[in-house]
C-alpha atoms as a PDB file:
ATOM      1  CA  MET A   1    -113.954  69.418 177.337  1.00  0.00           C
ATOM      2  CA  LEU A   2    -114.869  69.999 180.813  1.00  0.00           C
ATOM      3  CA  LEU A   3    -118.450  70.137 181.082  1.00  0.00           C
ATOM      4  CA  THR A   4    -118.907  68.860 184.559  1.00  0.00           C
ATOM      5  CA  GLY A   5    -120.400  70.995 187.334  1.00  0.00           C
ATOM      6  CA  ILE A   6    -122.403  73.431 184.618  1.00  0.00           C
ATOM      7  CA  ASP A   7    -126.297  73.260 184.658  1.00  0.00           C
ATOM      8  CA  ILE A   8    -128.187  74.482 181.837  1.00  0.00           C
ATOM      9  CA  ASN A   9    -131.481  76.361 182.870  1.00  0.00           C
ATOM     10  CA  MET A  10    -133.089  77.090 179.372  1.00  0.00           C
ATOM     11  CA  GLU A  11    -135.497  79.556 180.855  1.00  0.00           C
ATOM     12  CA  GLU A  12    -132.478  81.758 182.125  1.00  0.00           C
ATOM     13  CA  TYR A  13    -130.331  81.622 178.972  1.00  0.00           C
ATOM     14  CA  ARG A  14    -133.468  82.657 176.890  1.00  0.00           C
ATOM     15  CA  SER A  15    -134.006  85.479 178.972  1.00  0.00           C
ATOM     16  CA  HIS A  16    -130.453  86.593 179.272  1.00  0.00           C
ATOM     17  CA  PRO A  17    -129.721  89.796 177.395  1.00  0.00           C
ATOM     18  CA  LEU A  18    -127.107  87.949 175.771  1.00  0.00           C
ATOM     19  CA  TRP A  19    -129.095  85.190 174.572  1.00  0.00           C
ATOM     20  CA  LEU A  20    -129.546  86.697 171.208  1.00  0.00           C
ATOM     21  CA  LEU A  21    -126.203  87.217 170.564  1.00  0.00           C
ATOM     22  CA  LEU A  22    -125.331  83.607 171.318  1.00  0.00           C
ATOM     23  CA  VAL A  23    -128.107  82.386 168.930  1.00  0.00           C
ATOM     24  CA  GLU A  24    -127.123  84.765 166.042  1.00  0.00           C
ATOM     25  CA  THR A  25    -123.496  83.561 166.453  1.00  0.00           C
ATOM     26  CA  ALA A  26    -124.603  79.742 166.319  1.00  0.00           C
ATOM     27  CA  ARG A  27    -126.797  80.364 163.540  1.00  0.00           C
ATOM     28  CA  SER A  28    -123.840  81.889 161.637  1.00  0.00           C
ATOM     29  CA  HIS A  29    -121.876  78.669 162.096  1.00  0.00           C
ATOM     30  CA  PRO A  30    -121.251  76.989 159.039  1.00  0.00           C
ATOM     31  CA  LEU A  31    -122.116  73.421 159.969  1.00  0.00           C
ATOM     32  CA  TYR A  32    -125.179  74.697 162.326  1.00  0.00           C
ATOM     33  CA  PRO A  33    -128.088  73.648 159.586  1.00  0.00           C
ATOM     34  CA  GLY A  34    -126.612  70.215 159.483  1.00  0.00           C
ATOM     35  CA  LEU A  35    -126.107  69.961 163.456  1.00  0.00           C
ATOM     36  CA  VAL A  36    -129.737  70.626 163.518  1.00  0.00           C
ATOM     37  CA  ALA A  37    -130.792  68.272 160.952  1.00  0.00           C
ATOM     38  CA  TYR A  38    -128.634  65.631 162.858  1.00  0.00           C
ATOM     39  CA  VAL A  39    -129.864  66.112 166.175  1.00  0.00           C
ATOM     40  CA  SER A  40    -133.576  66.285 164.823  1.00  0.00           C
ATOM     41  CA  THR A  41    -133.226  63.226 162.743  1.00  0.00           C
ATOM     42  CA  HIS A  42    -130.646  60.880 165.060  1.00  0.00           C
ATOM     43  CA  LEU A  43    -130.156  62.095 168.585  1.00  0.00           C
ATOM     44  CA  LEU A  44    -133.850  63.055 169.439  1.00  0.00           C
ATOM     45  CA  PRO A  45    -135.553  60.160 168.091  1.00  0.00           C
ATOM     46  CA  GLU A  46    -133.185  57.892 170.039  1.00  0.00           C
ATOM     47  CA  HIS A  47    -132.495  59.992 173.050  1.00  0.00           C
ATOM     48  CA  PRO A  48    -135.434  62.255 173.756  1.00  0.00           C
ATOM     49  CA  ASP A  49    -133.904  63.564 177.044  1.00  0.00           C
ATOM     50  CA  VAL A  50    -130.705  64.415 175.523  1.00  0.00           C
ATOM     51  CA  THR A  51    -129.114  67.533 177.320  1.00  0.00           C
ATOM     52  CA  ALA A  52    -127.120  70.292 175.568  1.00  0.00           C
ATOM     53  CA  LYS A  53    -123.861  68.999 177.515  1.00  0.00           C
ATOM     54  CA  GLU A  54    -124.551  65.267 176.109  1.00  0.00           C
ATOM     55  CA  VAL A  55    -124.900  67.135 172.399  1.00  0.00           C
ATOM     56  CA  ALA A  56    -122.035  69.141 173.167  1.00  0.00           C
ATOM     57  CA  VAL A  57    -119.681  65.925 174.198  1.00  0.00           C
ATOM     58  CA  ARG A  58    -120.871  63.762 171.222  1.00  0.00           C
ATOM     59  CA  LEU A  59    -120.866  65.948 168.419  1.00  0.00           C
ATOM     60  CA  SER A  60    -117.521  67.563 169.771  1.00  0.00           C
ATOM     61  CA  ILE A  61    -119.162  71.198 169.678  1.00  0.00           C
ATOM     62  CA  PRO A  62    -118.778  74.067 171.936  1.00  0.00           C
ATOM     63  CA  LEU A  63    -121.609  73.940 174.853  1.00  0.00           C
ATOM     64  CA  GLY A  64    -122.968  77.038 173.654  1.00  0.00           C
ATOM     65  CA  LEU A  65    -123.635  75.915 169.759  1.00  0.00           C
ATOM     66  CA  ALA A  66    -125.049  73.006 171.466  1.00  0.00           C
ATOM     67  CA  VAL A  67    -127.472  74.732 173.949  1.00  0.00           C
ATOM     68  CA  VAL A  68    -128.880  76.845 170.612  1.00  0.00           C
ATOM     69  CA  VAL A  69    -128.746  73.569 168.329  1.00  0.00           C
ATOM     70  CA  LEU A  70    -130.780  71.623 170.933  1.00  0.00           C
ATOM     71  CA  ASP A  71    -132.926  74.620 171.429  1.00  0.00           C
ATOM     72  CA  ASP A  72    -133.741  75.388 168.202  1.00  0.00           C
ATOM     73  CA  THR A  73    -134.502  71.684 167.263  1.00  0.00           C
ATOM     74  CA  MET A  74    -136.660  71.050 170.321  1.00  0.00           C
ATOM     75  CA  ALA A  75    -138.835  74.178 169.111  1.00  0.00           C
ATOM     76  CA  GLN A  76    -139.167  72.533 165.478  1.00  0.00           C
ATOM     77  CA  THR A  77    -140.063  69.178 166.750  1.00  0.00           C
ATOM     78  CA  GLU A  78    -142.873  71.219 168.550  1.00  0.00           C
ATOM     79  CA  GLY A  79    -144.041  72.957 165.797  1.00  0.00           C
ATOM     80  CA  GLN A  80    -142.635  76.463 166.589  1.00  0.00           C
ATOM     81  CA  PRO A  81    -140.506  78.623 165.094  1.00  0.00           C
ATOM     82  CA  PRO A  82    -136.550  78.512 166.168  1.00  0.00           C
ATOM     83  CA  GLY A  83    -135.672  81.158 168.930  1.00  0.00           C
ATOM     84  CA  ARG A  84    -139.642  81.330 169.852  1.00  0.00           C
ATOM     85  CA  ARG A  85    -139.936  79.057 172.866  1.00  0.00           C
END
């Protein structure tokens, strides 16, 4: 998995017309609930500044799935509904 040279700007991602399609696809993944739970309970407490690239590498998942998992997890920790940041 080659993730070097990819910069993730979440504001740009969330405003992109395909963002909702990426979110819908990621949330339909069978492992999505478990990934969110794992990131929330294990990765974020230990590494609060973890990036989507690091999540993708650590969990061996596609970057797009990692972006949505991390975004939804961060929203939950901030007390916001997923996808509303």
